[in-house]
Amino acid sequence: FVVSFDEILMTSRSYQIQEAEQKEKARVWLENLLGLDVEDDFFVALGDGVLLCSIVNTIKPGTIPKVFSTARCRKVISRKLDNINSFVAGARRIGVFSSYMFDVSEFAQGKRQDKLVKCLLKLEEIAKKAGIEAGDNVLALQAQLNEEDSKREEELKAALAAKEKAEKEAREEYEKLKEQRQKEEQNRRETEEKERAALAAKMAEMSLADREEQQRKAAADQERKERERKEQEEKRNKEREDRLNKEREDREKRIADLKAKSTASATPSSTSSSSSSFSAAPKVLSGADAILYWAKTRCEDYGVEVTNFTTSWKDGLAFLSLVHSYFPKAYDYKVYSAKTPNERLAIAFDTAGAQGVPPLMDPEDVTDLPTPDRRSIMTYLSCLYKGFKR
């Protein structure tokens, strides 16, 4: 039996193509499962074990209680091996046989990457059997965000309709009041004419001195009545004006708050539309954009602006407000917002850990670096969303 060089070459190429297809399949499943974009080289991105541990915890939450962050792995190389060993042990606990596993030392040296791909594909089978489909996280998050924005849009429409109704009622009330005052003015003039006629008839029968005295009294009485009438009218006008101004300010404040919330959640294209159109939720979001949009909408009620996965989280306020929006009784937000960044991060991480979210980072991983590690923040936020969703 003789094998030609061409047959050997063809077999080698076929194996390489198959290996590349399996690698791409594992990468796509990993991105959809965690809702993240693996921007670097596939095996480099998995090298510190953080994403590998997140896979196991997503399939069965709490399997790996302690995961060291990417920043910590860069400082202490042994933490990377701890993460990979934790992944191997956790994968075996959820049903991956030893024949699908890889040697930790070989993986750390960049060898036998095909064994890691086979292990990931086996985890995909286990996830499907457990009913965990790829893309569930992103689709569920998108559905929730769309529902929240639809609710805000309905509230804004209802507020505008209430404003129009109130303005219409105010105009009708003004017209009625105007008509009533015209009638009162007409009745007053008729009464004055009658009084003047009666006074003229009476004065014709009086002496000159009596008529002059009566005229002075009548003039003084008329002046007093006119002054009292004007004072009462001014008082009524002031009370009505104050009441209408207060109602108008309250309506405008409610509508402004609703518009601000709706505008903050709109996409760039929707904010450039005409002022009469309502803000709409983004129709398509990638995994990372969906996670960022979720965090942004949860933090905006606290006055905390979230624009990225790095500097927005460095002072600890974003994590503090995000966790407090789900568990407001866990700690006093006003008290901890005045503390140091490390203290804010510590209470937020501890509260999330008490809810079953594994602590992927320490406060120092965020505050000690000039710019926090983007992938570490993204991975931890993905775990927070899935943990809070349960």
Foldseek 3Di string as FASTA:
>chain_A
DDDDPVNVVVVVVVVVVVLVVLLVVLQLLLCQLLLHDPPDDPLVSPQQLLSLVLLLCSLPFPLQQAQAAPLVCVVPVVSSLVNVVSSVVSLVVLPDDPVLADDSVCSNVVHPVSSVSSSSVVSQVSSVVSVRGGNPLVVVLLVVLQVVLVVLQVVLVVLVVVVVVVVVVVVVVVVVVVVVVVVVVVVVVVVVVVVVVVLVVVLVPDDPVVNVVVVVVVVVVVVVVVVVVVVVVVVVVVVVVVVVVVVVVVSVVVSVVSQVLFLVQADPVQNPDDPVDTGGHDPDDRSLRSLQSVLQSQCVVVVQHGDAQKPSPQFLLSLLSNQCSLVVPQDPSVVQVPDGSQSSNVSSLVSLVVLRQRRHYHNCQRHVDPIHDRVSSSSSSSSSSVSSVD
